[in-house]
């Protein structure tokens, strides 16, 4: 069965939005790549992250990470891919229906992979999301922002790799998960050997992508700013405490500021 972690009730559920705030949804999909065959890219993990920011005329000044809510889904074997796609489509539909801002990093590619993996019937939410992405620049509400293509106003460098964009914006997104093995190797360790730590490493990596993408998008949209580096890993550790053992691993704990470590 798919592995799911959610603090909003699972796919399709959203957190409440306090008065005077914007609700933001940030999504990231991990997929294995095979460009040699048609539709060879295979989704195996995704997360959707929700947070709120004030609807003020000036950017909110952040001194630390924002609270967030999330749903994370990881398949247990390849036969569950349709279930994962359906869950992702349900969450995307919820974002289209309830979020003021929907963001992703090269979101078009994530949507394309999900649609290619959907079998004979593409969920309507995926089709609607792709249309919203295509029309995002002509949308008066500007509800969709892709941090791969829509962030030049806050960047001076030429690279649009997420890790480079985060570095330029003083977001600490150090990712130790891939220090010893590639994502492909870790995913194989989970599927073939049931290696829970391997799955948790990718789960945290994926959630970091969603969270850092949200911060980049909020900065680009002019909703937030920060004067000193934000430690995204500390934000993850605080919000996801007790969810996965990898966050308590000494390698991950070493990324946290003094006083924030749990071990």
Protein backbone atom coordinates (compact mmCIF):
# COMPACT_ATOMS: atom_id res chain seq x y z
CA UNK A 1 0.00 0.00 0.00
CA UNK A 2 1.11 3.59 -0.54
CA UNK A 3 2.94 5.26 2.33
CA UNK A 4 1.16 8.43 3.38
CA UNK A 5 1.91 11.14 5.91
CA UNK A 6 -0.68 13.89 6.27
CA UNK A 7 -1.71 16.40 8.88
CA UNK A 8 -4.74 17.65 6.96
CA UNK A 9 -6.63 14.37 6.59
CA UNK A 10 -5.13 13.01 3.38
CA UNK A 11 -5.46 13.86 -0.33
CA UNK A 12 -8.09 16.45 -1.13
CA UNK A 13 -8.08 17.99 2.34
CA UNK A 14 -6.91 21.54 2.98
CA UNK A 15 -6.14 23.52 6.13
CA UNK A 16 -8.40 26.31 7.26
CA UNK A 17 -7.47 29.79 6.11
CA UNK A 18 -7.59 32.47 8.81
CA UNK A 19 -9.18 35.77 7.86
CA UNK A 20 -6.73 38.22 6.32
CA UNK A 21 -4.42 35.58 4.86
CA UNK A 22 -3.62 33.96 1.52
CA UNK A 23 -3.58 30.18 1.25
CA UNK A 24 -0.61 28.88 -0.73
CA UNK A 25 -0.21 25.35 -2.14
CA UNK A 26 3.21 24.10 -3.24
CA UNK A 27 3.68 20.74 -4.95
CA UNK A 28 6.62 18.63 -6.04
CA UNK A 29 6.74 15.20 -7.70
CA UNK A 30 9.70 12.81 -7.79
CA UNK A 31 9.94 10.56 -10.82
CA UNK A 32 12.40 8.14 -12.35
CA UNK A 33 13.61 9.24 -15.77
CA UNK A 34 13.74 7.19 -18.94
CA UNK A 35 13.79 9.36 -22.04
CA UNK A 36 14.44 6.44 -24.40
CA UNK A 37 10.84 5.29 -24.50
CA UNK A 38 7.53 7.11 -24.76
CA UNK A 39 6.08 7.97 -21.35
CA UNK A 40 9.08 6.32 -19.70
CA UNK A 41 9.19 8.75 -16.77
CA UNK A 42 7.55 7.17 -13.72
CA UNK A 43 6.24 9.12 -10.72
CA UNK A 44 6.82 7.46 -7.35
CA UNK A 45 6.52 10.18 -4.70
CA UNK A 46 4.88 13.57 -4.27
CA UNK A 47 4.12 16.11 -1.60
CA UNK A 48 1.78 19.04 -1.40
CA UNK A 49 2.47 21.68 1.20
CA UNK A 50 0.10 24.36 2.45
CA UNK A 51 0.89 27.59 4.25
CA UNK A 52 -0.70 30.97 4.83
CA UNK A 53 0.71 34.50 4.58
CA UNK A 54 -0.87 37.84 5.48
CA UNK A 55 -2.74 39.80 2.81
CA UNK A 56 -0.87 43.02 3.56
CA UNK A 57 0.32 45.68 1.13
CA UNK A 58 3.94 45.15 2.14
CA UNK A 59 5.94 41.89 2.18
CA UNK A 60 5.89 40.13 5.54
CA UNK A 61 9.36 40.17 7.12
CA UNK A 62 10.30 36.63 8.12
CA UNK A 63 12.76 35.88 10.91
CA UNK A 64 12.20 32.12 10.81
CA UNK A 65 10.32 29.39 9.04
CA UNK A 66 6.56 29.52 8.57
CA UNK A 67 4.16 26.90 9.95
CA UNK A 68 2.91 24.56 7.24
CA UNK A 69 0.63 21.59 6.64
CA UNK A 70 1.36 18.81 4.20
CA UNK A 71 0.44 15.53 2.60
CA UNK A 72 3.20 13.22 1.40
CA UNK A 73 2.58 10.04 -0.62
CA UNK A 74 5.12 7.38 -1.64
CA UNK A 75 4.26 4.20 -3.49
CA UNK A 76 5.11 0.83 -1.98
CA UNK A 77 5.47 -0.95 -5.32
CA UNK A 78 5.11 -0.08 -8.98
CA UNK A 79 1.57 -1.46 -9.20
CA UNK A 80 0.41 1.41 -6.97
CA UNK A 81 1.36 4.15 -9.44
CA UNK A 82 -2.23 4.77 -10.53
CA UNK A 83 -3.22 5.16 -6.89
CA UNK A 84 -0.44 7.71 -6.41
CA UNK A 85 -1.52 9.63 -9.52
CA UNK A 86 -5.13 9.69 -8.34
CA UNK A 87 -4.06 10.97 -4.92
CA UNK A 88 -1.92 13.68 -6.52
CA UNK A 89 -4.78 14.68 -8.82
CA UNK A 90 -7.11 14.91 -5.83
CA UNK A 91 -4.68 17.23 -4.05
CA UNK A 92 -4.19 19.32 -7.19
CA UNK A 93 -7.95 19.62 -7.51
CA UNK A 94 -8.13 20.82 -3.91
CA UNK A 95 -5.45 23.41 -4.65
CA UNK A 96 -7.31 24.63 -7.73
CA UNK A 97 -10.47 24.91 -5.70
CA UNK A 98 -9.13 26.51 -2.55
CA UNK A 99 -5.65 28.03 -2.85
CA UNK A 100 -4.96 31.67 -3.66
CA UNK A 101 -1.55 30.75 -5.07
CA UNK A 102 -0.40 27.42 -6.55
CA UNK A 103 3.33 26.96 -7.06
CA UNK A 104 5.86 24.43 -8.26
CA UNK A 105 9.34 24.29 -9.73
CA UNK A 106 8.96 23.32 -13.38
CA UNK A 107 5.41 22.39 -12.47
CA UNK A 108 4.65 21.70 -16.12
CA UNK A 109 6.99 18.69 -16.08
CA UNK A 110 5.48 17.26 -12.91
CA UNK A 111 2.00 17.58 -14.40
CA UNK A 112 3.13 15.99 -17.66
CA UNK A 113 4.55 12.96 -15.85
CA UNK A 114 1.41 12.52 -13.75
CA UNK A 115 -0.75 12.73 -16.87
CA UNK A 116 1.44 10.22 -18.71
CA UNK A 117 1.14 7.83 -15.74
CA UNK A 118 -2.64 8.19 -15.47
CA UNK A 119 -3.51 5.26 -17.69
CA UNK A 120 -6.51 5.40 -19.97
CA UNK A 121 -8.32 8.23 -18.17
CA UNK A 122 -6.59 11.47 -17.22
CA UNK A 123 -8.10 13.05 -14.09
CA UNK A 124 -9.81 16.32 -14.91
CA UNK A 125 -7.84 18.12 -12.19
CA UNK A 126 -4.57 17.42 -14.02
CA UNK A 127 -5.97 18.77 -17.29
CA UNK A 128 -7.28 21.86 -15.50
CA UNK A 129 -3.95 22.41 -13.75
CA UNK A 130 -2.04 22.18 -17.02
CA UNK A 131 -4.40 24.71 -18.58
CA UNK A 132 -3.96 27.02 -15.57
CA UNK A 133 -0.17 26.72 -15.92
CA UNK A 134 -0.33 27.52 -19.64
CA UNK A 135 -2.55 30.56 -19.03
CA UNK A 136 -0.85 31.75 -15.83
CA UNK A 137 0.69 34.90 -17.30
CA UNK A 138 -2.61 36.12 -18.74
CA UNK A 139 -4.56 35.31 -15.58
CA UNK A 140 -5.45 38.57 -13.77
CA UNK A 141 -5.48 36.71 -10.45
CA UNK A 142 -1.97 35.29 -11.08
CA UNK A 143 -2.88 32.13 -9.19
CA UNK A 144 -0.10 29.95 -10.64
CA UNK A 145 3.61 30.68 -10.29
CA UNK A 146 6.37 28.43 -11.59
CA UNK A 147 9.66 29.15 -9.85
CA UNK A 148 11.61 27.76 -12.79
CA UNK A 149 10.26 30.39 -15.17
CA UNK A 150 8.63 33.22 -13.19
CA UNK A 151 11.27 34.47 -10.74
CA UNK A 152 13.63 36.66 -12.77
CA UNK A 153 12.44 39.75 -10.88
CA UNK A 154 14.22 38.60 -7.70
CA UNK A 155 17.26 36.86 -9.24
CA UNK A 156 20.48 38.05 -10.81
CA UNK A 157 22.08 34.69 -11.63
CA UNK A 158 21.36 32.71 -14.77
CA UNK A 159 20.82 29.26 -13.25
CA UNK A 160 17.25 28.28 -12.52
CA UNK A 161 18.05 25.00 -10.79
CA UNK A 162 16.10 25.06 -7.55
CA UNK A 163 19.20 24.61 -5.39
CA UNK A 164 20.92 27.54 -7.12
CA UNK A 165 17.87 29.77 -6.89
CA UNK A 166 17.61 28.99 -3.17
CA UNK A 167 21.29 29.75 -2.68
CA UNK A 168 20.93 33.15 -4.30
CA UNK A 169 17.95 33.96 -2.08
CA UNK A 170 19.69 32.88 1.16
CA UNK A 171 17.62 29.76 1.69
CA UNK A 172 19.70 27.02 3.32
CA UNK A 173 18.52 23.85 1.57
CA UNK A 174 21.48 21.56 2.23
CA UNK A 175 20.40 18.08 1.15
CA UNK A 176 22.47 15.26 2.67
CA UNK A 177 20.10 12.55 1.46
CA UNK A 178 22.01 11.96 -1.77
CA UNK A 179 25.52 12.09 -0.33
CA UNK A 180 26.10 8.35 -0.61
CA UNK A 181 23.56 7.19 -3.20
CA UNK A 182 21.55 8.62 -6.04
CA UNK A 183 17.80 9.02 -5.79
CA UNK A 184 17.40 6.13 -8.23
CA UNK A 185 19.51 3.87 -6.02
CA UNK A 186 17.66 4.90 -2.86
CA UNK A 187 14.30 4.30 -4.51
CA UNK A 188 15.47 0.86 -5.66
CA UNK A 189 16.59 0.04 -2.12
CA UNK A 190 13.07 0.79 -0.91
CA UNK A 191 11.26 -1.16 -3.63
CA UNK A 192 13.55 -4.19 -3.65
CA UNK A 193 14.72 -4.40 -0.04
CA UNK A 194 12.14 -2.48 1.98
CA UNK A 195 14.79 -0.02 3.16
CA UNK A 196 12.72 2.41 5.21
CA UNK A 197 15.53 4.91 5.67
CA UNK A 198 16.00 5.09 1.90
CA UNK A 199 12.31 5.92 1.47
CA UNK A 200 12.41 8.47 4.28
CA UNK A 201 15.44 10.20 2.76
CA UNK A 202 13.58 10.74 -0.51
CA UNK A 203 10.40 11.72 1.33
CA UNK A 204 12.25 14.47 3.20
CA UNK A 205 14.10 15.54 0.05
CA UNK A 206 10.78 15.83 -1.77
CA UNK A 207 9.16 17.81 1.03
CA UNK A 208 12.17 20.14 1.11
CA UNK A 209 11.60 20.78 -2.59
CA UNK A 210 7.97 21.72 -1.94
CA UNK A 211 8.86 23.95 1.02
CA UNK A 212 11.77 25.76 -0.60
CA UNK A 213 9.72 26.26 -3.77
CA UNK A 214 7.02 27.89 -1.65
CA UNK A 215 9.52 30.35 -0.16
CA UNK A 216 10.97 31.23 -3.56
CA UNK A 217 7.49 31.79 -4.98
CA UNK A 218 6.40 33.94 -2.04
CA UNK A 219 9.53 36.06 -2.42
CA UNK A 220 8.97 36.42 -6.17
CA UNK A 221 5.31 37.35 -5.65
CA UNK A 222 6.29 40.03 -3.14
CA UNK A 223 4.42 38.42 -0.26
CA UNK A 224 7.40 37.78 2.05
CA UNK A 225 11.04 38.70 2.47
CA UNK A 226 13.84 37.91 4.90
CA UNK A 227 17.04 39.66 5.88
CA UNK A 228 19.12 36.73 7.11
CA UNK A 229 19.41 33.17 5.76
CA UNK A 230 16.44 30.89 6.40
CA UNK A 231 17.29 27.33 7.39
CA UNK A 232 14.71 25.23 5.55
CA UNK A 233 15.92 22.06 7.25
CA UNK A 234 15.23 23.57 10.68
CA UNK A 235 11.74 24.43 9.44
CA UNK A 236 11.25 20.82 8.30
CA UNK A 237 12.58 19.39 11.55
CA UNK A 238 10.23 21.52 13.63
CA UNK A 239 7.09 20.92 11.60
CA UNK A 240 7.68 17.23 10.93
CA UNK A 241 9.05 16.24 14.34
CA UNK A 242 8.29 12.58 15.06
CA UNK A 243 7.08 11.82 11.53
CA UNK A 244 10.15 10.08 10.10
CA UNK A 245 13.24 8.70 11.82
CA UNK A 246 15.56 10.27 9.22
CA UNK A 247 15.01 13.68 10.80
CA UNK A 248 16.61 12.36 14.01
CA UNK A 249 19.60 10.87 12.20
CA UNK A 250 22.91 12.51 13.20
CA UNK A 251 23.55 13.46 9.57
CA UNK A 252 20.34 15.47 9.41
CA UNK A 253 20.65 16.82 12.94
CA UNK A 254 24.04 18.29 12.02
CA UNK A 255 22.23 20.70 9.67
CA UNK A 256 20.26 22.32 12.49
CA UNK A 257 21.33 25.41 14.45
CA UNK A 258 22.58 24.96 18.03
CA UNK A 259 19.67 24.55 20.38
CA UNK A 260 17.39 23.17 17.67
CA UNK A 261 18.87 19.68 17.63
CA UNK A 262 16.91 16.86 19.24
CA UNK A 263 19.88 14.52 19.62
